[in-house]
Amino acid sequence: GPDEPEFTSFRPEQPGESVEGTVVTVSSTTSDYT
């Protein structure tokens, strides 16, 4: 099937790091912590 588009995760380490753009997809996932 179609390849998933490649993306870079937003994982900031320093205050002030940011990301801005146009929303392409909105979904959700689960976590063991909540």
All heavy atoms as atom14 arrays in JSON, in Angstrom:
{
  "sequence": "GPDEPEFTSFRPEQPGESVEGTVVTVSSTTSDYT",
  "atom14_mask": [
    [1, 1, 1, 1, 0, 0, 0, 0, 0, 0, 0, 0, 0, 0],
    [1, 1, 1, 1, 1, 1, 1, 0, 0, 0, 0, 0, 0, 0],
    [1, 1, 1, 1, 1, 1, 1, 1, 0, 0, 0, 0, 0, 0],
    [1, 1, 1, 1, 1, 1, 1, 1, 1, 0, 0, 0, 0, 0],
    [1, 1, 1, 1, 1, 1, 1, 0, 0, 0, 0, 0, 0, 0],
    [1, 1, 1, 1, 1, 1, 1, 1, 1, 0, 0, 0, 0, 0],
    [1, 1, 1, 1, 1, 1, 1, 1, 1, 1, 1, 0, 0, 0],
    [1, 1, 1, 1, 1, 1, 1, 0, 0, 0, 0, 0, 0, 0],
    [1, 1, 1, 1, 1, 1, 0, 0, 0, 0, 0, 0, 0, 0],
    [1, 1, 1, 1, 1, 1, 1, 1, 1, 1, 1, 0, 0, 0],
    [1, 1, 1, 1, 1, 1, 1, 1, 1, 1, 1, 0, 0, 0],
    [1, 1, 1, 1, 1, 1, 1, 0, 0, 0, 0, 0, 0, 0],
    [1, 1, 1, 1, 1, 1, 1, 1, 1, 0, 0, 0, 0, 0],
    [1, 1, 1, 1, 1, 1, 1, 1, 1, 0, 0, 0, 0, 0],
    [1, 1, 1, 1, 1, 1, 1, 0, 0, 0, 0, 0, 0, 0],
    [1, 1, 1, 1, 0, 0, 0, 0, 0, 0, 0, 0, 0, 0],
    [1, 1, 1, 1, 1, 1, 1, 1, 1, 0, 0, 0, 0, 0],
    [1, 1, 1, 1, 1, 1, 0, 0, 0, 0, 0, 0, 0, 0],
    [1, 1, 1, 1, 1, 1, 1, 0, 0, 0, 0, 0, 0, 0],
    [1, 1, 1, 1, 1, 1, 1, 1, 1, 0, 0, 0, 0, 0],
    [1, 1, 1, 1, 0, 0, 0, 0, 0, 0, 0, 0, 0, 0],
    [1, 1, 1, 1, 1, 1, 1, 0, 0, 0, 0, 0, 0, 0],
    [1, 1, 1, 1, 1, 1, 1, 0, 0, 0, 0, 0, 0, 0],
    [1, 1, 1, 1, 1, 1, 1, 0, 0, 0, 0, 0, 0, 0],
    [1, 1, 1, 1, 1, 1, 1, 0, 0, 0, 0, 0, 0, 0],
    [1, 1, 1, 1, 1, 1, 1, 0, 0, 0, 0, 0, 0, 0],
    [1, 1, 1, 1, 1, 1, 0, 0, 0, 0, 0, 0, 0, 0],
    [1, 1, 1, 1, 1, 1, 0, 0, 0, 0, 0, 0, 0, 0],
    [1, 1, 1, 1, 1, 1, 1, 0, 0, 0, 0, 0, 0, 0],
    [1, 1, 1, 1, 1, 1, 1, 0, 0, 0, 0, 0, 0, 0],
    [1, 1, 1, 1, 1, 1, 0, 0, 0, 0, 0, 0, 0, 0],
    [1, 1, 1, 1, 1, 1, 1, 1, 0, 0, 0, 0, 0, 0],
    [1, 1, 1, 1, 1, 1, 1, 1, 1, 1, 1, 1, 0, 0],
    [1, 1, 1, 1, 1, 1, 1, 0, 0, 0, 0, 0, 0, 0]
  ],
  "atom14_positions": [
    [[0.84, -1.2, 0.0], [0.0, 0.0, 0.0], [0.86, 1.24, 0.0], [2.09, 1.17, -0.09], [0.0, 0.0, 0.0], [0.0, 0.0, 0.0], [0.0, 0.0, 0.0], [0.0, 0.0, 0.0], [0.0, 0.0, 0.0], [0.0, 0.0, 0.0], [0.0, 0.0, 0.0], [0.0, 0.0, 0.0], [0.0, 0.0, 0.0], [0.0, 0.0, 0.0]],
    [[0.21, 2.39, 0.11], [0.97, 3.64, 0.06], [1.91, 3.77, 1.24], [1.59, 3.35, 2.35], [-0.11, 4.72, 0.08], [-1.35, 4.06, 0.57], [-1.2, 2.58, 0.3], [0.0, 0.0, 0.0], [0.0, 0.0, 0.0], [0.0, 0.0, 0.0], [0.0, 0.0, 0.0], [0.0, 0.0, 0.0], [0.0, 0.0, 0.0], [0.0, 0.0, 0.0]],
    [[3.07, 4.33, 0.97], [4.03, 4.58, 2.05], [3.51, 5.69, 2.94], [2.91, 6.65, 2.48], [5.39, 5.0, 1.48], [6.09, 3.86, 0.77], [5.83, 2.7, 1.12], [6.88, 4.14, -0.15], [0.0, 0.0, 0.0], [0.0, 0.0, 0.0], [0.0, 0.0, 0.0], [0.0, 0.0, 0.0], [0.0, 0.0, 0.0], [0.0, 0.0, 0.0]],
    [[3.74, 5.53, 4.24], [3.42, 6.6, 5.17], [4.4, 7.74, 4.94], [5.59, 7.51, 4.74], [3.56, 6.1, 6.62], [2.49, 5.13, 7.04], [1.13, 5.78, 7.15], [1.04, 6.91, 7.66], [0.15, 5.17, 6.69], [0.0, 0.0, 0.0], [0.0, 0.0, 0.0], [0.0, 0.0, 0.0], [0.0, 0.0, 0.0], [0.0, 0.0, 0.0]],
    [[3.9, 8.98, 4.92], [4.84, 10.09, 4.76], [5.81, 10.15, 5.92], [5.46, 9.83, 7.05], [3.94, 11.33, 4.75], [2.55, 10.87, 4.97], [2.54, 9.38, 5.09], [0.0, 0.0, 0.0], [0.0, 0.0, 0.0], [0.0, 0.0, 0.0], [0.0, 0.0, 0.0], [0.0, 0.0, 0.0], [0.0, 0.0, 0.0], [0.0, 0.0, 0.0]],
    [[7.02, 10.52, 5.63], [8.02, 10.64, 6.69], [7.84, 11.97, 7.41], [7.59, 12.98, 6.8], [9.42, 10.54, 6.1], [9.73, 9.14, 5.62], [11.2, 8.95, 5.34], [12.04, 9.62, 5.98], [11.5, 8.12, 4.47], [0.0, 0.0, 0.0], [0.0, 0.0, 0.0], [0.0, 0.0, 0.0], [0.0, 0.0, 0.0], [0.0, 0.0, 0.0]],
    [[7.97, 11.91, 8.72], [7.86, 13.12, 9.53], [8.95, 13.12, 10.58], [9.56, 12.09, 10.86], [6.47, 13.19, 10.2], [6.19, 12.02, 11.1], [6.67, 11.98, 12.4], [5.44, 10.95, 10.64], [6.42, 10.89, 13.23], [5.17, 9.85, 11.46], [5.67, 9.83, 12.74], [0.0, 0.0, 0.0], [0.0, 0.0, 0.0], [0.0, 0.0, 0.0]],
    [[9.17, 14.28, 11.15], [10.08, 14.44, 12.27], [9.24, 14.75, 13.5], [8.4, 15.65, 13.46], [11.06, 15.6, 12.01], [11.75, 15.36, 10.79], [12.06, 15.74, 13.15], [0.0, 0.0, 0.0], [0.0, 0.0, 0.0], [0.0, 0.0, 0.0], [0.0, 0.0, 0.0], [0.0, 0.0, 0.0], [0.0, 0.0, 0.0], [0.0, 0.0, 0.0]],
    [[9.44, 13.99, 14.56], [8.7, 14.23, 15.81], [9.18, 15.53, 16.46], [10.37, 15.82, 16.47], [8.89, 13.08, 16.79], [8.29, 11.91, 16.3], [0.0, 0.0, 0.0], [0.0, 0.0, 0.0], [0.0, 0.0, 0.0], [0.0, 0.0, 0.0], [0.0, 0.0, 0.0], [0.0, 0.0, 0.0], [0.0, 0.0, 0.0], [0.0, 0.0, 0.0]],
    [[8.23, 16.26, 17.02], [8.54, 17.47, 17.79], [8.84, 17.02, 19.21], [7.94, 16.63, 19.95], [7.37, 18.44, 17.75], [7.56, 19.67, 18.59], [8.61, 20.53, 18.35], [6.68, 19.98, 19.61], [8.8, 21.67, 19.11], [6.84, 21.12, 20.38], [7.9, 21.96, 20.14], [0.0, 0.0, 0.0], [0.0, 0.0, 0.0], [0.0, 0.0, 0.0]],
    [[10.12, 17.01, 19.56], [10.57, 16.61, 20.9], [11.49, 17.68, 21.45], [12.72, 17.55, 21.43], [11.32, 15.29, 20.83], [10.45, 14.14, 20.44], [11.25, 12.88, 20.41], [10.36, 11.75, 20.29], [10.71, 10.52, 20.54], [11.92, 10.24, 20.93], [9.85, 9.55, 20.4], [0.0, 0.0, 0.0], [0.0, 0.0, 0.0], [0.0, 0.0, 0.0]],
    [[10.91, 18.76, 21.94], [11.73, 19.87, 22.4], [12.53, 19.54, 23.64], [12.08, 18.77, 24.5], [10.71, 20.97, 22.68], [9.47, 20.22, 23.04], [9.49, 18.98, 22.19], [0.0, 0.0, 0.0], [0.0, 0.0, 0.0], [0.0, 0.0, 0.0], [0.0, 0.0, 0.0], [0.0, 0.0, 0.0], [0.0, 0.0, 0.0], [0.0, 0.0, 0.0]],
    [[13.71, 20.11, 23.71], [14.56, 19.94, 24.89], [14.81, 21.26, 25.6], [14.98, 21.29, 26.81], [15.88, 19.3, 24.48], [15.71, 17.89, 23.95], [17.02, 17.26, 23.51], [18.09, 17.88, 23.72], [16.98, 16.15, 22.97], [0.0, 0.0, 0.0], [0.0, 0.0, 0.0], [0.0, 0.0, 0.0], [0.0, 0.0, 0.0], [0.0, 0.0, 0.0]],
    [[14.83, 22.34, 24.84], [15.13, 23.65, 25.4], [13.91, 24.55, 25.33], [13.19, 24.54, 24.32], [16.28, 24.31, 24.63], [17.58, 23.53, 24.66], [18.11, 23.4, 26.07], [18.07, 24.32, 26.87], [18.61, 22.22, 26.4], [0.0, 0.0, 0.0], [0.0, 0.0, 0.0], [0.0, 0.0, 0.0], [0.0, 0.0, 0.0], [0.0, 0.0, 0.0]],
    [[13.68, 25.37, 26.36], [12.58, 26.34, 26.29], [12.72, 27.22, 25.05], [13.82, 27.58, 24.66], [12.77, 27.16, 27.57], [13.48, 26.25, 28.51], [14.39, 25.43, 27.63], [0.0, 0.0, 0.0], [0.0, 0.0, 0.0], [0.0, 0.0, 0.0], [0.0, 0.0, 0.0], [0.0, 0.0, 0.0], [0.0, 0.0, 0.0], [0.0, 0.0, 0.0]],
    [[11.6, 27.49, 24.43], [11.59, 28.33, 23.23], [11.54, 27.53, 21.95], [11.22, 28.08, 20.89], [0.0, 0.0, 0.0], [0.0, 0.0, 0.0], [0.0, 0.0, 0.0], [0.0, 0.0, 0.0], [0.0, 0.0, 0.0], [0.0, 0.0, 0.0], [0.0, 0.0, 0.0], [0.0, 0.0, 0.0], [0.0, 0.0, 0.0], [0.0, 0.0, 0.0]],
    [[11.86, 26.24, 21.99], [11.76, 25.43, 20.78], [10.29, 25.35, 20.39], [9.41, 25.2, 21.24], [12.32, 24.03, 21.0], [13.83, 24.02, 21.17], [14.37, 22.61, 21.32], [13.95, 21.7, 20.59], [15.22, 22.43, 22.21], [0.0, 0.0, 0.0], [0.0, 0.0, 0.0], [0.0, 0.0, 0.0], [0.0, 0.0, 0.0], [0.0, 0.0, 0.0]],
    [[10.03, 25.46, 19.08], [8.65, 25.5, 18.63], [8.48, 24.86, 17.26], [9.47, 24.61, 16.56], [8.15, 26.95, 18.6], [8.88, 27.68, 17.64], [0.0, 0.0, 0.0], [0.0, 0.0, 0.0], [0.0, 0.0, 0.0], [0.0, 0.0, 0.0], [0.0, 0.0, 0.0], [0.0, 0.0, 0.0], [0.0, 0.0, 0.0], [0.0, 0.0, 0.0]],
    [[7.24, 24.65, 16.92], [6.87, 24.16, 15.59], [5.57, 24.86, 15.21], [4.71, 25.1, 16.07], [6.73, 22.62, 15.57], [5.63, 22.14, 16.48], [6.51, 22.12, 14.16], [0.0, 0.0, 0.0], [0.0, 0.0, 0.0], [0.0, 0.0, 0.0], [0.0, 0.0, 0.0], [0.0, 0.0, 0.0], [0.0, 0.0, 0.0], [0.0, 0.0, 0.0]],
    [[5.46, 25.2, 13.94], [4.24, 25.84, 13.44], [3.98, 25.35, 12.04], [4.91, 25.17, 11.25], [4.4, 27.36, 13.43], [3.19, 28.09, 12.93], [3.3, 29.6, 12.99], [4.31, 30.1, 13.51], [2.37, 30.26, 12.51], [0.0, 0.0, 0.0], [0.0, 0.0, 0.0], [0.0, 0.0, 0.0], [0.0, 0.0, 0.0], [0.0, 0.0, 0.0]],
    [[2.7, 25.14, 11.73], [2.38, 24.71, 10.38], [0.9, 24.5, 10.19], [0.08, 24.8, 11.06], [0.0, 0.0, 0.0], [0.0, 0.0, 0.0], [0.0, 0.0, 0.0], [0.0, 0.0, 0.0], [0.0, 0.0, 0.0], [0.0, 0.0, 0.0], [0.0, 0.0, 0.0], [0.0, 0.0, 0.0], [0.0, 0.0, 0.0], [0.0, 0.0, 0.0]],
    [[0.57, 23.96, 9.03], [-0.8, 23.66, 8.66], [-1.1, 22.2, 9.01], [-0.32, 21.31, 8.68], [-1.0, 23.88, 7.15], [-0.66, 25.24, 6.85], [-2.43, 23.62, 6.73], [0.0, 0.0, 0.0], [0.0, 0.0, 0.0], [0.0, 0.0, 0.0], [0.0, 0.0, 0.0], [0.0, 0.0, 0.0], [0.0, 0.0, 0.0], [0.0, 0.0, 0.0]],
    [[-2.2, 21.98, 9.69], [-2.58, 20.64, 10.14], [-2.84, 19.75, 8.93], [-3.61, 20.09, 8.03], [-3.82, 20.69, 11.05], [-4.3, 19.29, 11.41], [-3.51, 21.5, 12.32], [0.0, 0.0, 0.0], [0.0, 0.0, 0.0], [0.0, 0.0, 0.0], [0.0, 0.0, 0.0], [0.0, 0.0, 0.0], [0.0, 0.0, 0.0], [0.0, 0.0, 0.0]],
    [[-2.18, 18.59, 8.93], [-2.33, 17.6, 7.87], [-3.18, 16.43, 8.36], [-4.07, 15.97, 7.66], [-0.95, 17.1, 7.38], [-1.08, 16.0, 6.35], [-0.11, 18.25, 6.85], [0.0, 0.0, 0.0], [0.0, 0.0, 0.0], [0.0, 0.0, 0.0], [0.0, 0.0, 0.0], [0.0, 0.0, 0.0], [0.0, 0.0, 0.0], [0.0, 0.0, 0.0]],
    [[-2.89, 15.95, 9.57], [-3.67, 14.86, 10.16], [-3.88, 15.11, 11.65], [-3.04, 15.73, 12.31], [-3.01, 13.47, 10.0], [-1.76, 13.47, 10.68], [-2.81, 13.1, 8.54], [0.0, 0.0, 0.0], [0.0, 0.0, 0.0], [0.0, 0.0, 0.0], [0.0, 0.0, 0.0], [0.0, 0.0, 0.0], [0.0, 0.0, 0.0], [0.0, 0.0, 0.0]],
    [[-5.0, 14.59, 12.15], [-5.32, 14.63, 13.58], [-5.78, 13.24, 13.96], [-6.68, 12.68, 13.34], [-6.44, 15.65, 13.89], [-6.75, 15.66, 15.38], [-6.08, 17.04, 13.41], [0.0, 0.0, 0.0], [0.0, 0.0, 0.0], [0.0, 0.0, 0.0], [0.0, 0.0, 0.0], [0.0, 0.0, 0.0], [0.0, 0.0, 0.0], [0.0, 0.0, 0.0]],
    [[-5.13, 12.66, 14.97], [-5.52, 11.34, 15.43], [-5.18, 11.24, 16.92], [-4.91, 12.24, 17.57], [-4.8, 10.25, 14.63], [-3.4, 10.36, 14.8], [0.0, 0.0, 0.0], [0.0, 0.0, 0.0], [0.0, 0.0, 0.0], [0.0, 0.0, 0.0], [0.0, 0.0, 0.0], [0.0, 0.0, 0.0], [0.0, 0.0, 0.0], [0.0, 0.0, 0.0]],
    [[-5.19, 10.03, 17.44], [-4.81, 9.83, 18.84], [-4.16, 8.46, 18.96], [-4.27, 7.62, 18.08], [-6.01, 9.95, 19.76], [-6.93, 8.92, 19.5], [0.0, 0.0, 0.0], [0.0, 0.0, 0.0], [0.0, 0.0, 0.0], [0.0, 0.0, 0.0], [0.0, 0.0, 0.0], [0.0, 0.0, 0.0], [0.0, 0.0, 0.0], [0.0, 0.0, 0.0]],
    [[-3.48, 8.28, 20.06], [-2.84, 7.01, 20.37], [-3.04, 6.74, 21.85], [-3.65, 7.56, 22.56], [-1.35, 7.03, 19.98], [-0.82, 5.7, 20.08], [-0.53, 7.97, 20.84], [0.0, 0.0, 0.0], [0.0, 0.0, 0.0], [0.0, 0.0, 0.0], [0.0, 0.0, 0.0], [0.0, 0.0, 0.0], [0.0, 0.0, 0.0], [0.0, 0.0, 0.0]],
    [[-2.55, 5.62, 22.32], [-2.66, 5.28, 23.74], [-1.29, 5.35, 24.39], [-0.27, 5.42, 23.71], [-3.25, 3.87, 23.92], [-2.4, 2.94, 23.24], [-4.65, 3.79, 23.35], [0.0, 0.0, 0.0], [0.0, 0.0, 0.0], [0.0, 0.0, 0.0], [0.0, 0.0, 0.0], [0.0, 0.0, 0.0], [0.0, 0.0, 0.0], [0.0, 0.0, 0.0]],
    [[-1.3, 5.33, 25.7], [-0.07, 5.36, 26.46], [-0.23, 4.47, 27.69], [-1.33, 4.35, 28.23], [0.22, 6.81, 26.9], [1.26, 6.84, 27.86], [0.0, 0.0, 0.0], [0.0, 0.0, 0.0], [0.0, 0.0, 0.0], [0.0, 0.0, 0.0], [0.0, 0.0, 0.0], [0.0, 0.0, 0.0], [0.0, 0.0, 0.0], [0.0, 0.0, 0.0]],
    [[0.87, 3.89, 28.12], [0.85, 3.09, 29.34], [0.73, 3.96, 30.6], [0.49, 3.44, 31.68], [2.14, 2.26, 29.46], [2.23, 1.19, 28.4], [1.18, 0.79, 27.84], [3.36, 0.75, 28.09], [0.0, 0.0, 0.0], [0.0, 0.0, 0.0], [0.0, 0.0, 0.0], [0.0, 0.0, 0.0], [0.0, 0.0, 0.0], [0.0, 0.0, 0.0]],
    [[0.89, 5.27, 30.44], [0.95, 6.16, 31.59], [-0.35, 6.92, 31.86], [-0.45, 7.63, 32.85], [2.09, 7.16, 31.41], [3.42, 6.45, 31.28], [4.01, 6.28, 30.03], [4.06, 5.92, 32.38], [5.21, 5.61, 29.9], [5.27, 5.25, 32.27], [5.83, 5.1, 31.02], [7.02, 4.43, 30.89], [0.0, 0.0, 0.0], [0.0, 0.0, 0.0]],
    [[-1.32, 6.8, 30.95], [-2.59, 7.49, 31.16], [-3.71, 6.71, 30.49], [-3.48, 6.01, 29.5], [-2.56, 8.94, 30.61], [-3.82, 9.55, 30.83], [-2.24, 8.97, 29.13], [0.0, 0.0, 0.0], [0.0, 0.0, 0.0], [0.0, 0.0, 0.0], [0.0, 0.0, 0.0], [0.0, 0.0, 0.0], [0.0, 0.0, 0.0], [0.0, 0.0, 0.0]]
  ]
}
